[in-house]
Amino acid sequence: MKWLKRIGLTVLILFVLLIAAAIIIPIVFKDKIEAAVKEEVNKSLNATVDWANGTLP
């Protein structure tokens, strides 16, 4: 039973860390993600995309 609790606790901690990373990473790397998306969209379209006046959530 002791091992089962440790395994359960480990799985729970890993799950919480995964959720925290999924929330924190986009906030920290927002500018880099935005620049990469703009670059790829501009490559794919026959136009230049710029959303400087808009905001991203």
N, C-alpha and C. Protein backbone atom coordinates (compact mmCIF):
# COMPACT_ATOMS: atom_id res chain seq x y z
N MET A 1 0.82 -1.19 0.00
CA MET A 1 0.00 0.00 0.00
C MET A 1 0.87 1.26 0.00
N LYS A 2 2.02 1.19 0.65
CA LYS A 2 2.92 2.33 0.71
C LYS A 2 3.43 2.70 -0.69
N TRP A 3 3.75 1.68 -1.49
CA TRP A 3 4.23 1.92 -2.85
C TRP A 3 3.13 2.49 -3.74
N LEU A 4 1.93 2.05 -3.52
CA LEU A 4 0.80 2.54 -4.30
C LEU A 4 0.58 4.03 -4.04
N LYS A 5 0.71 4.45 -2.80
CA LYS A 5 0.58 5.87 -2.47
C LYS A 5 1.69 6.70 -3.12
N ARG A 6 2.90 6.17 -3.10
CA ARG A 6 4.02 6.89 -3.71
C ARG A 6 3.83 7.02 -5.22
N ILE A 7 3.38 5.96 -5.85
CA ILE A 7 3.14 6.01 -7.30
C ILE A 7 2.02 6.99 -7.60
N GLY A 8 0.96 6.95 -6.84
CA GLY A 8 -0.15 7.88 -7.04
C GLY A 8 0.27 9.32 -6.84
N LEU A 9 1.06 9.58 -5.82
CA LEU A 9 1.55 10.92 -5.54
C LEU A 9 2.48 11.40 -6.66
N THR A 10 3.33 10.52 -7.15
CA THR A 10 4.23 10.86 -8.24
C THR A 10 3.46 11.20 -9.50
N VAL A 11 2.45 10.42 -9.83
CA VAL A 11 1.62 10.68 -11.00
C VAL A 11 0.88 12.01 -10.84
N LEU A 12 0.38 12.27 -9.67
CA LEU A 12 -0.33 13.52 -9.40
C LEU A 12 0.61 14.72 -9.55
N ILE A 13 1.81 14.63 -9.02
CA ILE A 13 2.78 15.72 -9.13
C ILE A 13 3.16 15.95 -10.58
N LEU A 14 3.39 14.88 -11.34
CA LEU A 14 3.73 15.03 -12.76
C LEU A 14 2.58 15.66 -13.53
N PHE A 15 1.36 15.30 -13.21
CA PHE A 15 0.19 15.87 -13.87
C PHE A 15 0.07 17.36 -13.58
N VAL A 16 0.27 17.75 -12.33
CA VAL A 16 0.21 19.16 -11.95
C VAL A 16 1.32 19.95 -12.64
N LEU A 17 2.52 19.39 -12.70
CA LEU A 17 3.62 20.07 -13.39
C LEU A 17 3.34 20.22 -14.88
N LEU A 18 2.73 19.23 -15.49
CA LEU A 18 2.38 19.30 -16.91
C LEU A 18 1.36 20.39 -17.17
N ILE A 19 0.35 20.47 -16.33
CA ILE A 19 -0.68 21.51 -16.46
C ILE A 19 -0.06 22.88 -16.24
N ALA A 20 0.80 23.01 -15.24
CA ALA A 20 1.45 24.30 -14.97
C ALA A 20 2.32 24.72 -16.15
N ALA A 21 3.04 23.79 -16.74
CA ALA A 21 3.88 24.10 -17.89
C ALA A 21 3.02 24.52 -19.08
N ALA A 22 1.88 23.87 -19.27
CA ALA A 22 0.99 24.22 -20.38
C ALA A 22 0.41 25.62 -20.20
N ILE A 23 0.32 26.10 -18.99
CA ILE A 23 -0.19 27.45 -18.74
C ILE A 23 0.94 28.48 -18.79
N ILE A 24 2.10 28.16 -18.24
CA ILE A 24 3.18 29.13 -18.11
C ILE A 24 3.97 29.34 -19.41
N ILE A 25 4.23 28.28 -20.16
CA ILE A 25 5.06 28.39 -21.36
C ILE A 25 4.50 29.38 -22.38
N PRO A 26 3.20 29.34 -22.72
CA PRO A 26 2.70 30.34 -23.68
C PRO A 26 2.79 31.78 -23.18
N ILE A 27 2.70 31.97 -21.88
CA ILE A 27 2.80 33.32 -21.33
C ILE A 27 4.25 33.82 -21.43
N VAL A 28 5.19 32.97 -21.09
CA VAL A 28 6.59 33.37 -21.08
C VAL A 28 7.12 33.58 -22.51
N PHE A 29 6.73 32.73 -23.45
CA PHE A 29 7.26 32.78 -24.82
C PHE A 29 6.27 33.38 -25.81
N LYS A 30 5.39 34.26 -25.35
CA LYS A 30 4.35 34.83 -26.20
C LYS A 30 4.94 35.56 -27.41
N ASP A 31 5.96 36.37 -27.20
CA ASP A 31 6.54 37.14 -28.31
C ASP A 31 7.18 36.23 -29.36
N LYS A 32 7.89 35.21 -28.92
CA LYS A 32 8.53 34.29 -29.86
C LYS A 32 7.49 33.48 -30.63
N ILE A 33 6.44 33.06 -29.94
CA ILE A 33 5.38 32.30 -30.60
C ILE A 33 4.68 33.17 -31.62
N GLU A 34 4.38 34.42 -31.26
CA GLU A 34 3.71 35.35 -32.17
C GLU A 34 4.56 35.60 -33.41
N ALA A 35 5.86 35.80 -33.23
CA ALA A 35 6.76 36.04 -34.37
C ALA A 35 6.82 34.82 -35.28
N ALA A 36 6.87 33.64 -34.71
CA ALA A 36 6.93 32.42 -35.52
C ALA A 36 5.64 32.21 -36.29
N VAL A 37 4.50 32.51 -35.67
CA VAL A 37 3.21 32.36 -36.35
C VAL A 37 3.12 33.35 -37.50
N LYS A 38 3.51 34.60 -37.27
CA LYS A 38 3.48 35.61 -38.34
C LYS A 38 4.36 35.19 -39.51
N GLU A 39 5.53 34.69 -39.21
CA GLU A 39 6.46 34.28 -40.26
C GLU A 39 5.88 33.14 -41.10
N GLU A 40 5.31 32.15 -40.44
CA GLU A 40 4.75 31.01 -41.16
C GLU A 40 3.50 31.40 -41.95
N VAL A 41 2.67 32.28 -41.40
CA VAL A 41 1.48 32.73 -42.12
C VAL A 41 1.89 33.52 -43.35
N ASN A 42 2.88 34.38 -43.21
CA ASN A 42 3.34 35.17 -44.36
C ASN A 42 3.95 34.29 -45.44
N LYS A 43 4.58 33.19 -45.06
CA LYS A 43 5.11 32.25 -46.04
C LYS A 43 3.98 31.55 -46.80
N SER A 44 2.89 31.27 -46.11
CA SER A 44 1.80 30.49 -46.69
C SER A 44 0.85 31.33 -47.55
N LEU A 45 0.78 32.63 -47.31
CA LEU A 45 -0.17 33.49 -48.01
C LEU A 45 0.55 34.38 -49.02
N ASN A 46 -0.22 34.90 -49.97
CA ASN A 46 0.32 35.85 -50.92
C ASN A 46 0.11 37.27 -50.43
N ALA A 47 0.15 37.46 -49.15
CA ALA A 47 -0.05 38.76 -48.53
C ALA A 47 0.82 38.84 -47.28
N THR A 48 0.96 40.04 -46.78
CA THR A 48 1.70 40.23 -45.54
C THR A 48 0.70 40.41 -44.41
N VAL A 49 0.85 39.63 -43.39
CA VAL A 49 -0.06 39.67 -42.26
C VAL A 49 0.60 40.43 -41.12
N ASP A 50 -0.14 41.35 -40.54
CA ASP A 50 0.36 42.09 -39.39
C ASP A 50 -0.82 42.43 -38.49
N TRP A 51 -0.80 41.99 -37.26
CA TRP A 51 -1.88 42.27 -36.33
C TRP A 51 -1.37 43.15 -35.20
N ALA A 52 -0.63 44.17 -35.56
CA ALA A 52 -0.05 45.07 -34.56
C ALA A 52 -1.12 45.83 -33.78
N ASN A 53 -2.25 46.14 -34.42
CA ASN A 53 -3.30 46.88 -33.74
C ASN A 53 -4.20 45.98 -32.92
N GLY A 54 -4.16 44.70 -33.18
CA GLY A 54 -4.98 43.75 -32.44
C GLY A 54 -4.24 43.21 -31.24
N THR A 55 -4.91 42.40 -30.49
CA THR A 55 -4.28 41.79 -29.33
C THR A 55 -4.53 40.28 -29.36
N LEU A 56 -3.60 39.57 -28.79
CA LEU A 56 -3.76 38.14 -28.62
C LEU A 56 -4.09 37.87 -27.17
N PRO A 57 -4.96 36.93 -26.92
CA PRO A 57 -5.32 36.65 -25.52
C PRO A 57 -4.17 36.07 -24.74
